[in-house]
PDB file of N, CA and C in Angstrom:
ATOM      1  N   MET A   1     -41.632  -4.318 -15.288  1.00  0.00           N
ATOM      2  CA  MET A   1     -40.854  -3.349 -16.032  1.00  0.00           C
ATOM      3  C   MET A   1     -39.688  -4.074 -16.697  1.00  0.00           C
ATOM      4  N   ALA A   2     -39.634  -4.054 -18.002  1.00  0.00           N
ATOM      5  CA  ALA A   2     -38.628  -4.775 -18.769  1.00  0.00           C
ATOM      6  C   ALA A   2     -37.354  -3.936 -18.884  1.00  0.00           C
ATOM      7  N   PRO A   3     -36.181  -4.604 -18.924  1.00  0.00           N
ATOM      8  CA  PRO A   3     -34.924  -3.868 -19.109  1.00  0.00           C
ATOM      9  C   PRO A   3     -34.876  -3.216 -20.488  1.00  0.00           C
ATOM     10  N   LYS A   4     -34.154  -2.099 -20.563  1.00  0.00           N
ATOM     11  CA  LYS A   4     -34.080  -1.349 -21.811  1.00  0.00           C
ATOM     12  C   LYS A   4     -33.181  -2.030 -22.831  1.00  0.00           C
ATOM     13  N   SER A   5     -32.089  -2.624 -22.393  1.00  0.00           N
ATOM     14  CA  SER A   5     -31.190  -3.321 -23.302  1.00  0.00           C
ATOM     15  C   SER A   5     -30.559  -4.500 -22.582  1.00  0.00           C
ATOM     16  N   LYS A   6     -29.791  -5.287 -23.336  1.00  0.00           N
ATOM     17  CA  LYS A   6     -29.152  -6.450 -22.730  1.00  0.00           C
ATOM     18  C   LYS A   6     -28.071  -6.041 -21.729  1.00  0.00           C
ATOM     19  N   LYS A   7     -27.489  -4.872 -21.904  1.00  0.00           N
ATOM     20  CA  LYS A   7     -26.463  -4.405 -20.973  1.00  0.00           C
ATOM     21  C   LYS A   7     -27.045  -4.088 -19.597  1.00  0.00           C
ATOM     22  N   ASP A   8     -28.285  -3.687 -19.555  1.00  0.00           N
ATOM     23  CA  ASP A   8     -28.915  -3.331 -18.291  1.00  0.00           C
ATOM     24  C   ASP A   8     -29.319  -4.550 -17.466  1.00  0.00           C
ATOM     25  N   ARG A   9     -29.368  -5.710 -18.089  1.00  0.00           N
ATOM     26  CA  ARG A   9     -29.786  -6.917 -17.381  1.00  0.00           C
ATOM     27  C   ARG A   9     -28.670  -7.425 -16.488  1.00  0.00           C
ATOM     28  N   VAL A  10     -28.983  -7.737 -15.252  1.00  0.00           N
ATOM     29  CA  VAL A  10     -28.027  -8.288 -14.317  1.00  0.00           C
ATOM     30  C   VAL A  10     -28.607  -9.573 -13.755  1.00  0.00           C
ATOM     31  N   ALA A  11     -27.913 -10.678 -13.980  1.00  0.00           N
ATOM     32  CA  ALA A  11     -28.388 -11.950 -13.459  1.00  0.00           C
ATOM     33  C   ALA A  11     -27.904 -12.135 -12.024  1.00  0.00           C
ATOM     34  N   TYR A  12     -26.658 -11.720 -11.761  1.00  0.00           N
ATOM     35  CA  TYR A  12     -26.095 -11.890 -10.424  1.00  0.00           C
ATOM     36  C   TYR A  12     -24.982 -10.871 -10.243  1.00  0.00           C
ATOM     37  N   ARG A  13     -24.971 -10.196  -9.093  1.00  0.00           N
ATOM     38  CA  ARG A  13     -23.918  -9.247  -8.784  1.00  0.00           C
ATOM     39  C   ARG A  13     -23.562  -9.421  -7.320  1.00  0.00           C
ATOM     40  N   GLU A  14     -22.300  -9.787  -7.084  1.00  0.00           N
ATOM     41  CA  GLU A  14     -21.888 -10.086  -5.719  1.00  0.00           C
ATOM     42  C   GLU A  14     -21.460  -8.837  -4.952  1.00  0.00           C
ATOM     43  N   PHE A  15     -20.673  -7.989  -5.566  1.00  0.00           N
ATOM     44  CA  PHE A  15     -20.093  -6.861  -4.855  1.00  0.00           C
ATOM     45  C   PHE A  15     -20.494  -5.540  -5.481  1.00  0.00           C
ATOM     46  N   GLY A  16     -21.630  -5.031  -5.193  1.00  0.00           N
ATOM     47  CA  GLY A  16     -22.025  -3.680  -5.561  1.00  0.00           C
ATOM     48  C   GLY A  16     -22.019  -3.400  -7.045  1.00  0.00           C
ATOM     49  N   ASN A  17     -21.762  -2.162  -7.398  1.00  0.00           N
ATOM     50  CA  ASN A  17     -21.800  -1.689  -8.762  1.00  0.00           C
ATOM     51  C   ASN A  17     -20.522  -2.067  -9.487  1.00  0.00           C
ATOM     52  N   SER A  18     -20.619  -2.846 -10.557  1.00  0.00           N
ATOM     53  CA  SER A  18     -19.423  -3.311 -11.258  1.00  0.00           C
ATOM     54  C   SER A  18     -18.909  -2.305 -12.273  1.00  0.00           C
ATOM     55  N   THR A  19     -19.608  -1.204 -12.498  1.00  0.00           N
ATOM     56  CA  THR A  19     -19.167  -0.217 -13.475  1.00  0.00           C
ATOM     57  C   THR A  19     -18.335   0.890 -12.844  1.00  0.00           C
ATOM     58  N   SER A  20     -18.017   0.770 -11.580  1.00  0.00           N
ATOM     59  CA  SER A  20     -17.249   1.798 -10.899  1.00  0.00           C
ATOM     60  C   SER A  20     -15.769   1.680 -11.267  1.00  0.00           C
ATOM     61  N   ASP A  21     -15.280   2.609 -12.099  1.00  0.00           N
ATOM     62  CA  ASP A  21     -13.884   2.587 -12.519  1.00  0.00           C
ATOM     63  C   ASP A  21     -12.948   3.017 -11.399  1.00  0.00           C
ATOM     64  N   GLU A  22     -13.428   3.818 -10.475  1.00  0.00           N
ATOM     65  CA  GLU A  22     -12.586   4.268  -9.365  1.00  0.00           C
ATOM     66  C   GLU A  22     -12.170   3.100  -8.476  1.00  0.00           C
ATOM     67  N   ALA A  23     -13.057   2.149  -8.305  1.00  0.00           N
ATOM     68  CA  ALA A  23     -12.747   1.009  -7.448  1.00  0.00           C
ATOM     69  C   ALA A  23     -11.778   0.057  -8.133  1.00  0.00           C
ATOM     70  N   LEU A  24     -11.813  -0.009  -9.452  1.00  0.00           N
ATOM     71  CA  LEU A  24     -10.947  -0.925 -10.189  1.00  0.00           C
ATOM     72  C   LEU A  24      -9.574  -0.331 -10.489  1.00  0.00           C
ATOM     73  N   ALA A  25      -9.449   0.978 -10.443  1.00  0.00           N
ATOM     74  CA  ALA A  25      -8.180   1.627 -10.761  1.00  0.00           C
ATOM     75  C   ALA A  25      -7.150   1.337  -9.676  1.00  0.00           C
ATOM     76  N   ARG A  26      -5.942   1.033 -10.115  1.00  0.00           N
ATOM     77  CA  ARG A  26      -4.869   0.755  -9.159  1.00  0.00           C
ATOM     78  C   ARG A  26      -4.257   2.060  -8.680  1.00  0.00           C
ATOM     79  N   GLY A  27      -3.890   2.060  -7.433  1.00  0.00           N
ATOM     80  CA  GLY A  27      -3.220   3.230  -6.886  1.00  0.00           C
ATOM     81  C   GLY A  27      -1.768   3.260  -7.324  1.00  0.00           C
ATOM     82  N   ILE A  28      -1.334   4.380  -7.863  1.00  0.00           N
ATOM     83  CA  ILE A  28       0.048   4.532  -8.296  1.00  0.00           C
ATOM     84  C   ILE A  28       0.805   5.228  -7.181  1.00  0.00           C
ATOM     85  N   PRO A  29       1.858   4.590  -6.671  1.00  0.00           N
ATOM     86  CA  PRO A  29       2.601   5.247  -5.597  1.00  0.00           C
ATOM     87  C   PRO A  29       3.305   6.491  -6.117  1.00  0.00           C
ATOM     88  N   ASP A  30       3.117   7.593  -5.447  1.00  0.00           N
ATOM     89  CA  ASP A  30       3.747   8.849  -5.837  1.00  0.00           C
ATOM     90  C   ASP A  30       4.801   9.170  -4.778  1.00  0.00           C
ATOM     91  N   LEU A  31       5.962   8.528  -4.908  1.00  0.00           N
ATOM     92  CA  LEU A  31       7.014   8.659  -3.914  1.00  0.00           C
ATOM     93  C   LEU A  31       7.709  10.008  -4.034  1.00  0.00           C
ATOM     94  N   PRO A  32       8.209  10.543  -2.928  1.00  0.00           N
ATOM     95  CA  PRO A  32       8.988  11.780  -3.004  1.00  0.00           C
ATOM     96  C   PRO A  32      10.320  11.528  -3.720  1.00  0.00           C
ATOM     97  N   PRO A  33      10.913  12.569  -4.310  1.00  0.00           N
ATOM     98  CA  PRO A  33      12.139  12.400  -5.096  1.00  0.00           C
ATOM     99  C   PRO A  33      13.299  11.692  -4.385  1.00  0.00           C
ATOM    100  N   PRO A  34      13.586  11.936  -3.096  1.00  0.00           N
ATOM    101  CA  PRO A  34      14.741  11.253  -2.500  1.00  0.00           C
ATOM    102  C   PRO A  34      14.585   9.735  -2.379  1.00  0.00           C
ATOM    103  N   GLN A  35      13.372   9.217  -2.477  1.00  0.00           N
ATOM    104  CA  GLN A  35      13.150   7.780  -2.358  1.00  0.00           C
ATOM    105  C   GLN A  35      13.146   7.060  -3.702  1.00  0.00           C
ATOM    106  N   GLN A  36      13.454   7.768  -4.779  1.00  0.00           N
ATOM    107  CA  GLN A  36      13.425   7.163  -6.111  1.00  0.00           C
ATOM    108  C   GLN A  36      14.837   7.025  -6.655  1.00  0.00           C
ATOM    109  N   ASN A  37      15.109   5.886  -7.286  1.00  0.00           N
ATOM    110  CA  ASN A  37      16.402   5.634  -7.926  1.00  0.00           C
ATOM    111  C   ASN A  37      16.228   5.785  -9.429  1.00  0.00           C
ATOM    112  N   ILE A  38      16.797   6.832  -9.977  1.00  0.00           N
ATOM    113  CA  ILE A  38      16.618   7.187 -11.375  1.00  0.00           C
ATOM    114  C   ILE A  38      17.871   6.802 -12.158  1.00  0.00           C
ATOM    115  N   ARG A  39      17.672   6.235 -13.353  1.00  0.00           N
ATOM    116  CA  ARG A  39      18.771   5.881 -14.251  1.00  0.00           C
ATOM    117  C   ARG A  39      18.634   6.702 -15.529  1.00  0.00           C
ATOM    118  N   ILE A  40      19.761   7.276 -15.967  1.00  0.00           N
ATOM    119  CA  ILE A  40      19.799   8.088 -17.183  1.00  0.00           C
ATOM    120  C   ILE A  40      20.701   7.376 -18.180  1.00  0.00           C
ATOM    121  N   GLN A  41      20.182   7.184 -19.403  1.00  0.00           N
ATOM    122  CA  GLN A  41      20.941   6.438 -20.401  1.00  0.00           C
ATOM    123  C   GLN A  41      20.666   7.014 -21.782  1.00  0.00           C
ATOM    124  N   ALA A  42      21.713   7.160 -22.595  1.00  0.00           N
ATOM    125  CA  ALA A  42      21.550   7.591 -23.977  1.00  0.00           C
ATOM    126  C   ALA A  42      21.530   6.348 -24.857  1.00  0.00           C
ATOM    127  N   THR A  43      20.592   6.294 -25.782  1.00  0.00           N
ATOM    128  CA  THR A  43      20.451   5.122 -26.642  1.00  0.00           C
ATOM    129  C   THR A  43      20.063   5.538 -28.051  1.00  0.00           C
ATOM    130  N   ARG A  44      20.346   4.655 -28.998  1.00  0.00           N
ATOM    131  CA  ARG A  44      19.961   4.869 -30.387  1.00  0.00           C
ATOM    132  C   ARG A  44      19.111   3.728 -30.921  1.00  0.00           C
ATOM    133  N   SER A  45      18.991   2.656 -30.161  1.00  0.00           N
ATOM    134  CA  SER A  45      18.356   1.449 -30.677  1.00  0.00           C
ATOM    135  C   SER A  45      16.888   1.668 -31.009  1.00  0.00           C
ATOM    136  N   GLY A  46      16.510   1.278 -32.224  1.00  0.00           N
ATOM    137  CA  GLY A  46      15.129   1.386 -32.666  1.00  0.00           C
ATOM    138  C   GLY A  46      14.675   2.785 -32.992  1.00  0.00           C
ATOM    139  N   ARG A  47      15.621   3.713 -33.182  1.00  0.00           N
ATOM    140  CA  ARG A  47      15.231   5.104 -33.440  1.00  0.00           C
ATOM    141  C   ARG A  47      15.896   5.659 -34.695  1.00  0.00           C
ATOM    142  N   LYS A  48      16.242   4.779 -35.613  1.00  0.00           N
ATOM    143  CA  LYS A  48      16.819   5.146 -36.912  1.00  0.00           C
ATOM    144  C   LYS A  48      18.070   6.003 -36.769  1.00  0.00           C
ATOM    145  N   GLY A  49      18.917   5.684 -35.804  1.00  0.00           N
ATOM    146  CA  GLY A  49      20.182   6.377 -35.630  1.00  0.00           C
ATOM    147  C   GLY A  49      20.122   7.661 -34.831  1.00  0.00           C
ATOM    148  N   LYS A  50      18.949   8.080 -34.420  1.00  0.00           N
ATOM    149  CA  LYS A  50      18.811   9.301 -33.620  1.00  0.00           C
ATOM    150  C   LYS A  50      19.091   8.985 -32.149  1.00  0.00           C
ATOM    151  N   THR A  51      19.847   9.838 -31.491  1.00  0.00           N
ATOM    152  CA  THR A  51      20.166   9.634 -30.081  1.00  0.00           C
ATOM    153  C   THR A  51      19.044  10.187 -29.214  1.00  0.00           C
ATOM    154  N   VAL A  52      18.631   9.381 -28.235  1.00  0.00           N
ATOM    155  CA  VAL A  52      17.578   9.761 -27.299  1.00  0.00           C
ATOM    156  C   VAL A  52      18.079   9.456 -25.894  1.00  0.00           C
ATOM    157  N   THR A  53      17.900  10.380 -24.962  1.00  0.00           N
ATOM    158  CA  THR A  53      18.248  10.150 -23.566  1.00  0.00           C
ATOM    159  C   THR A  53      17.011   9.622 -22.851  1.00  0.00           C
ATOM    160  N   VAL A  54      17.144   8.409 -22.284  1.00  0.00           N
ATOM    161  CA  VAL A  54      16.022   7.734 -21.630  1.00  0.00           C
ATOM    162  C   VAL A  54      16.236   7.798 -20.120  1.00  0.00           C
ATOM    163  N   ILE A  55      15.217   8.247 -19.397  1.00  0.00           N
ATOM    164  CA  ILE A  55      15.278   8.343 -17.941  1.00  0.00           C
ATOM    165  C   ILE A  55      14.256   7.363 -17.380  1.00  0.00           C
ATOM    166  N   THR A  56      14.705   6.378 -16.593  1.00  0.00           N
ATOM    167  CA  THR A  56      13.822   5.340 -16.071  1.00  0.00           C
ATOM    168  C   THR A  56      13.856   5.329 -14.548  1.00  0.00           C
ATOM    169  N   GLY A  57      12.892   4.629 -13.958  1.00  0.00           N
ATOM    170  CA  GLY A  57      12.865   4.438 -12.516  1.00  0.00           C
ATOM    171  C   GLY A  57      11.899   5.334 -11.775  1.00  0.00           C
ATOM    172  N   PHE A  58      11.056   6.063 -12.487  1.00  0.00           N
ATOM    173  CA  PHE A  58      10.117   6.966 -11.823  1.00  0.00           C
ATOM    174  C   PHE A  58       8.954   6.191 -11.225  1.00  0.00           C
ATOM    175  N   GLN A  59       8.491   6.636 -10.075  1.00  0.00           N
ATOM    176  CA  GLN A  59       7.291   6.108  -9.449  1.00  0.00           C
ATOM    177  C   GLN A  59       6.387   7.298  -9.124  1.00  0.00           C
ATOM    178  N   HIS A  60       5.837   7.861 -10.186  1.00  0.00           N
ATOM    179  CA  HIS A  60       4.968   9.032 -10.080  1.00  0.00           C
ATOM    180  C   HIS A  60       3.671   8.768 -10.830  1.00  0.00           C
ATOM    181  N   SER A  61       2.689   9.588 -10.560  1.00  0.00           N
ATOM    182  CA  SER A  61       1.452   9.551 -11.333  1.00  0.00           C
ATOM    183  C   SER A  61       1.728  10.165 -12.710  1.00  0.00           C
ATOM    184  N   PRO A  62       0.913   9.836 -13.705  1.00  0.00           N
ATOM    185  CA  PRO A  62       1.145  10.393 -15.051  1.00  0.00           C
ATOM    186  C   PRO A  62       1.114  11.914 -15.096  1.00  0.00           C
ATOM    187  N   GLU A  63       0.297  12.548 -14.251  1.00  0.00           N
ATOM    188  CA  GLU A  63       0.235  14.011 -14.244  1.00  0.00           C
ATOM    189  C   GLU A  63       1.557  14.608 -13.764  1.00  0.00           C
ATOM    190  N   THR A  64       2.141  14.008 -12.720  1.00  0.00           N
ATOM    191  CA  THR A  64       3.420  14.491 -12.200  1.00  0.00           C
ATOM    192  C   THR A  64       4.525  14.280 -13.221  1.00  0.00           C
ATOM    193  N   LEU A  65       4.487  13.155 -13.934  1.00  0.00           N
ATOM    194  CA  LEU A  65       5.505  12.884 -14.950  1.00  0.00           C
ATOM    195  C   LEU A  65       5.428  13.880 -16.099  1.00  0.00           C
ATOM    196  N   THR A  66       4.233  14.258 -16.510  1.00  0.00           N
ATOM    197  CA  THR A  66       4.134  15.217 -17.608  1.00  0.00           C
ATOM    198  C   THR A  66       4.633  16.598 -17.188  1.00  0.00           C
ATOM    199  N   LYS A  67       4.397  16.992 -15.938  1.00  0.00           N
ATOM    200  CA  LYS A  67       4.926  18.269 -15.451  1.00  0.00           C
ATOM    201  C   LYS A  67       6.451  18.245 -15.408  1.00  0.00           C
ATOM    202  N   LEU A  68       7.013  17.130 -14.924  1.00  0.00           N
ATOM    203  CA  LEU A  68       8.466  16.991 -14.869  1.00  0.00           C
ATOM    204  C   LEU A  68       9.058  16.969 -16.269  1.00  0.00           C
ATOM    205  N   LEU A  69       8.389  16.277 -17.191  1.00  0.00           N
ATOM    206  CA  LEU A  69       8.870  16.207 -18.571  1.00  0.00           C
ATOM    207  C   LEU A  69       8.922  17.590 -19.205  1.00  0.00           C
ATOM    208  N   LYS A  70       7.904  18.394 -18.970  1.00  0.00           N
ATOM    209  CA  LYS A  70       7.887  19.742 -19.533  1.00  0.00           C
ATOM    210  C   LYS A  70       9.052  20.568 -18.999  1.00  0.00           C
ATOM    211  N   LYS A  71       9.321  20.432 -17.697  1.00  0.00           N
ATOM    212  CA  LYS A  71      10.423  21.166 -17.089  1.00  0.00           C
ATOM    213  C   LYS A  71      11.765  20.738 -17.693  1.00  0.00           C
ATOM    214  N   LEU A  72      11.960  19.420 -17.875  1.00  0.00           N
ATOM    215  CA  LEU A  72      13.217  18.910 -18.417  1.00  0.00           C
ATOM    216  C   LEU A  72      13.384  19.292 -19.885  1.00  0.00           C
ATOM    217  N   LYS A  73      12.306  19.270 -20.649  1.00  0.00           N
ATOM    218  CA  LYS A  73      12.399  19.639 -22.062  1.00  0.00           C
ATOM    219  C   LYS A  73      12.782  21.098 -22.230  1.00  0.00           C
ATOM    220  N   THR A  74      12.239  21.975 -21.389  1.00  0.00           N
ATOM    221  CA  THR A  74      12.589  23.389 -21.507  1.00  0.00           C
ATOM    222  C   THR A  74      14.036  23.636 -21.082  1.00  0.00           C
ATOM    223  N   GLN A  75      14.510  22.897 -20.071  1.00  0.00           N
ATOM    224  CA  GLN A  75      15.904  23.052 -19.634  1.00  0.00           C
ATOM    225  C   GLN A  75      16.876  22.579 -20.710  1.00  0.00           C
ATOM    226  N   CYS A  76      16.523  21.510 -21.435  1.00  0.00           N
ATOM    227  CA  CYS A  76      17.410  20.970 -22.466  1.00  0.00           C
ATOM    228  C   CYS A  76      17.203  21.626 -23.821  1.00  0.00           C
ATOM    229  N   GLY A  77      16.075  22.282 -24.015  1.00  0.00           N
ATOM    230  CA  GLY A  77      15.801  22.924 -25.294  1.00  0.00           C
ATOM    231  C   GLY A  77      15.522  21.918 -26.392  1.00  0.00           C
ATOM    232  N   SER A  78      14.843  20.832 -26.064  1.00  0.00           N
ATOM    233  CA  SER A  78      14.540  19.818 -27.069  1.00  0.00           C
ATOM    234  C   SER A  78      13.194  19.178 -26.759  1.00  0.00           C
ATOM    235  N   GLY A  79      12.776  18.294 -27.638  1.00  0.00           N
ATOM    236  CA  GLY A  79      11.493  17.620 -27.475  1.00  0.00           C
ATOM    237  C   GLY A  79      11.634  16.354 -26.673  1.00  0.00           C
ATOM    238  N   GLY A  80      10.510  15.713 -26.407  1.00  0.00           N
ATOM    239  CA  GLY A  80      10.539  14.471 -25.666  1.00  0.00           C
ATOM    240  C   GLY A  80       9.148  13.937 -25.439  1.00  0.00           C
ATOM    241  N   THR A  81       9.091  12.764 -24.808  1.00  0.00           N
ATOM    242  CA  THR A  81       7.815  12.120 -24.541  1.00  0.00           C
ATOM    243  C   THR A  81       7.890  11.299 -23.262  1.00  0.00           C
ATOM    244  N   ALA A  82       6.717  10.954 -22.732  1.00  0.00           N
ATOM    245  CA  ALA A  82       6.621  10.097 -21.549  1.00  0.00           C
ATOM    246  C   ALA A  82       5.942   8.802 -21.952  1.00  0.00           C
ATOM    247  N   LYS A  83       6.606   7.654 -21.663  1.00  0.00           N
ATOM    248  CA  LYS A  83       6.054   6.343 -21.997  1.00  0.00           C
ATOM    249  C   LYS A  83       6.290   5.401 -20.828  1.00  0.00           C
ATOM    250  N   ASP A  84       5.235   4.830 -20.267  1.00  0.00           N
ATOM    251  CA  ASP A  84       5.331   3.762 -19.253  1.00  0.00           C
ATOM    252  C   ASP A  84       6.305   4.085 -18.121  1.00  0.00           C
ATOM    253  N   ASN A  85       6.113   5.196 -17.450  1.00  0.00           N
ATOM    254  CA  ASN A  85       6.964   5.638 -16.334  1.00  0.00           C
ATOM    255  C   ASN A  85       8.410   5.873 -16.737  1.00  0.00           C
ATOM    256  N   THR A  86       8.666   6.112 -18.009  1.00  0.00           N
ATOM    257  CA  THR A  86       9.992   6.522 -18.475  1.00  0.00           C
ATOM    258  C   THR A  86       9.829   7.816 -19.260  1.00  0.00           C
ATOM    259  N   LEU A  87      10.871   8.630 -19.222  1.00  0.00           N
ATOM    260  CA  LEU A  87      10.879   9.876 -19.988  1.00  0.00           C
ATOM    261  C   LEU A  87      11.935   9.761 -21.070  1.00  0.00           C
ATOM    262  N   GLU A  88      11.628  10.239 -22.262  1.00  0.00           N
ATOM    263  CA  GLU A  88      12.576  10.247 -23.369  1.00  0.00           C
ATOM    264  C   GLU A  88      12.774  11.679 -23.820  1.00  0.00           C
ATOM    265  N   ILE A  89      14.029  12.118 -23.808  1.00  0.00           N
ATOM    266  CA  ILE A  89      14.389  13.464 -24.245  1.00  0.00           C
ATOM    267  C   ILE A  89      15.229  13.320 -25.504  1.00  0.00           C
ATOM    268  N   GLN A  90      14.887  14.056 -26.549  1.00  0.00           N
ATOM    269  CA  GLN A  90      15.622  13.958 -27.805  1.00  0.00           C
ATOM    270  C   GLN A  90      17.013  14.552 -27.652  1.00  0.00           C
ATOM    271  N   GLY A  91      18.015  13.836 -28.150  1.00  0.00           N
ATOM    272  CA  GLY A  91      19.400  14.281 -28.074  1.00  0.00           C
ATOM    273  C   GLY A  91      20.119  13.644 -26.902  1.00  0.00           C
ATOM    274  N   GLU A  92      21.418  13.911 -26.819  1.00  0.00           N
ATOM    275  CA  GLU A  92      22.220  13.355 -25.730  1.00  0.00           C
ATOM    276  C   GLU A  92      22.432  14.431 -24.671  1.00  0.00           C
ATOM    277  N   HIS A  93      21.713  14.301 -23.557  1.00  0.00           N
ATOM    278  CA  HIS A  93      21.732  15.291 -22.479  1.00  0.00           C
ATOM    279  C   HIS A  93      21.972  14.619 -21.133  1.00  0.00           C
ATOM    280  N   LYS A  94      22.819  13.607 -21.078  1.00  0.00           N
ATOM    281  CA  LYS A  94      22.990  12.841 -19.839  1.00  0.00           C
ATOM    282  C   LYS A  94      23.486  13.699 -18.685  1.00  0.00           C
ATOM    283  N   GLU A  95      24.557  14.430 -18.891  1.00  0.00           N
ATOM    284  CA  GLU A  95      25.147  15.219 -17.806  1.00  0.00           C
ATOM    285  C   GLU A  95      24.220  16.342 -17.359  1.00  0.00           C
ATOM    286  N   LYS A  96      23.592  17.004 -18.324  1.00  0.00           N
ATOM    287  CA  LYS A  96      22.688  18.102 -17.996  1.00  0.00           C
ATOM    288  C   LYS A  96      21.479  17.600 -17.205  1.00  0.00           C
ATOM    289  N   LEU A  97      20.904  16.458 -17.619  1.00  0.00           N
ATOM    290  CA  LEU A  97      19.755  15.893 -16.918  1.00  0.00           C
ATOM    291  C   LEU A  97      20.138  15.387 -15.536  1.00  0.00           C
ATOM    292  N   LEU A  98      21.345  14.848 -15.402  1.00  0.00           N
ATOM    293  CA  LEU A  98      21.814  14.401 -14.092  1.00  0.00           C
ATOM    294  C   LEU A  98      21.894  15.585 -13.135  1.00  0.00           C
ATOM    295  N   GLU A  99      22.417  16.692 -13.603  1.00  0.00           N
ATOM    296  CA  GLU A  99      22.523  17.895 -12.775  1.00  0.00           C
ATOM    297  C   GLU A  99      21.144  18.427 -12.388  1.00  0.00           C
ATOM    298  N   ILE A 100      20.231  18.487 -13.339  1.00  0.00           N
ATOM    299  CA  ILE A 100      18.884  19.014 -13.073  1.00  0.00           C
ATOM    300  C   ILE A 100      18.142  18.127 -12.078  1.00  0.00           C
ATOM    301  N   LEU A 101      18.195  16.804 -12.292  1.00  0.00           N
ATOM    302  CA  LEU A 101      17.456  15.887 -11.426  1.00  0.00           C
ATOM    303  C   LEU A 101      18.025  15.850 -10.010  1.00  0.00           C
ATOM    304  N   THR A 102      19.343  15.969  -9.857  1.00  0.00           N
ATOM    305  CA  THR A 102      19.903  15.998  -8.508  1.00  0.00           C
ATOM    306  C   THR A 102      19.535  17.291  -7.787  1.00  0.00           C
ATOM    307  N   LYS A 103      19.419  18.392  -8.529  1.00  0.00           N
ATOM    308  CA  LYS A 103      18.963  19.643  -7.916  1.00  0.00           C
ATOM    309  C   LYS A 103      17.509  19.545  -7.461  1.00  0.00           C
ATOM    310  N   LEU A 104      16.718  18.742  -8.172  1.00  0.00           N
ATOM    311  CA  LEU A 104      15.320  18.540  -7.797  1.00  0.00           C
ATOM    312  C   LEU A 104      15.168  17.544  -6.646  1.00  0.00           C
ATOM    313  N   GLY A 105      16.270  16.893  -6.256  1.00  0.00           N
ATOM    314  CA  GLY A 105      16.233  15.998  -5.100  1.00  0.00           C
ATOM    315  C   GLY A 105      16.214  14.522  -5.436  1.00  0.00           C
ATOM    316  N   TYR A 106      16.277  14.145  -6.706  1.00  0.00           N
ATOM    317  CA  TYR A 106      16.264  12.729  -7.091  1.00  0.00           C
ATOM    318  C   TYR A 106      17.642  12.105  -6.909  1.00  0.00           C
ATOM    319  N   LYS A 107      17.669  10.810  -6.596  1.00  0.00           N
ATOM    320  CA  LYS A 107      18.912  10.055  -6.602  1.00  0.00           C
ATOM    321  C   LYS A 107      19.103   9.508  -8.000  1.00  0.00           C
ATOM    322  N   ALA A 108      19.904  10.197  -8.813  1.00  0.00           N
ATOM    323  CA  ALA A 108      20.046   9.834 -10.213  1.00  0.00           C
ATOM    324  C   ALA A 108      21.475   9.389 -10.513  1.00  0.00           C
ATOM    325  N   LYS A 109      21.596   8.431 -11.448  1.00  0.00           N
ATOM    326  CA  LYS A 109      22.888   7.939 -11.909  1.00  0.00           C
ATOM    327  C   LYS A 109      22.853   7.780 -13.407  1.00  0.00           C
ATOM    328  N   ILE A 110      24.029   7.935 -14.012  1.00  0.00           N
ATOM    329  CA  ILE A 110      24.148   7.673 -15.441  1.00  0.00           C
ATOM    330  C   ILE A 110      24.492   6.202 -15.600  1.00  0.00           C
ATOM    331  N   SER A 111      23.731   5.493 -16.431  1.00  0.00           N
ATOM    332  CA  SER A 111      24.005   4.083 -16.659  1.00  0.00           C
ATOM    333  C   SER A 111      24.348   3.889 -18.127  1.00  0.00           C
ATOM    334  N   GLY A 112      25.023   2.802 -18.429  1.00  0.00           N
ATOM    335  CA  GLY A 112      25.424   2.523 -19.811  1.00  0.00           C
ATOM    336  C   GLY A 112      26.712   3.239 -20.161  1.00  0.00           C
ATOM    337  N   GLY A 113      27.129   3.068 -21.398  1.00  0.00           N
ATOM    338  CA  GLY A 113      28.417   3.621 -21.837  1.00  0.00           C
ATOM    339  C   GLY A 113      28.316   4.852 -22.553  1.00  0.00           C
TER     340      GLY A 113
END
């Protein structure tokens, strides 16, 4: 019985099925809020003069981050995005975000000037 395509041909396989994405995926630690050190900073760099509040230091899964982002955006009344375990909220909302995150149980600090 001949293989259907070149992809189906296997010359040597040491450890089981190599197409299993679940085995190759890294586990993302989903720490509880009191164990995370969050930094809140307002910045304009690279955003054409628009102020954006950047929140860094999260150790959550992407699904948890998107839920948290939605909650923070509705509290601030502005837009935002999640990139590489950081959240960006449009506008300068440092004090408001610090209050919200501490109520949620995070150890948050304002960094920068």
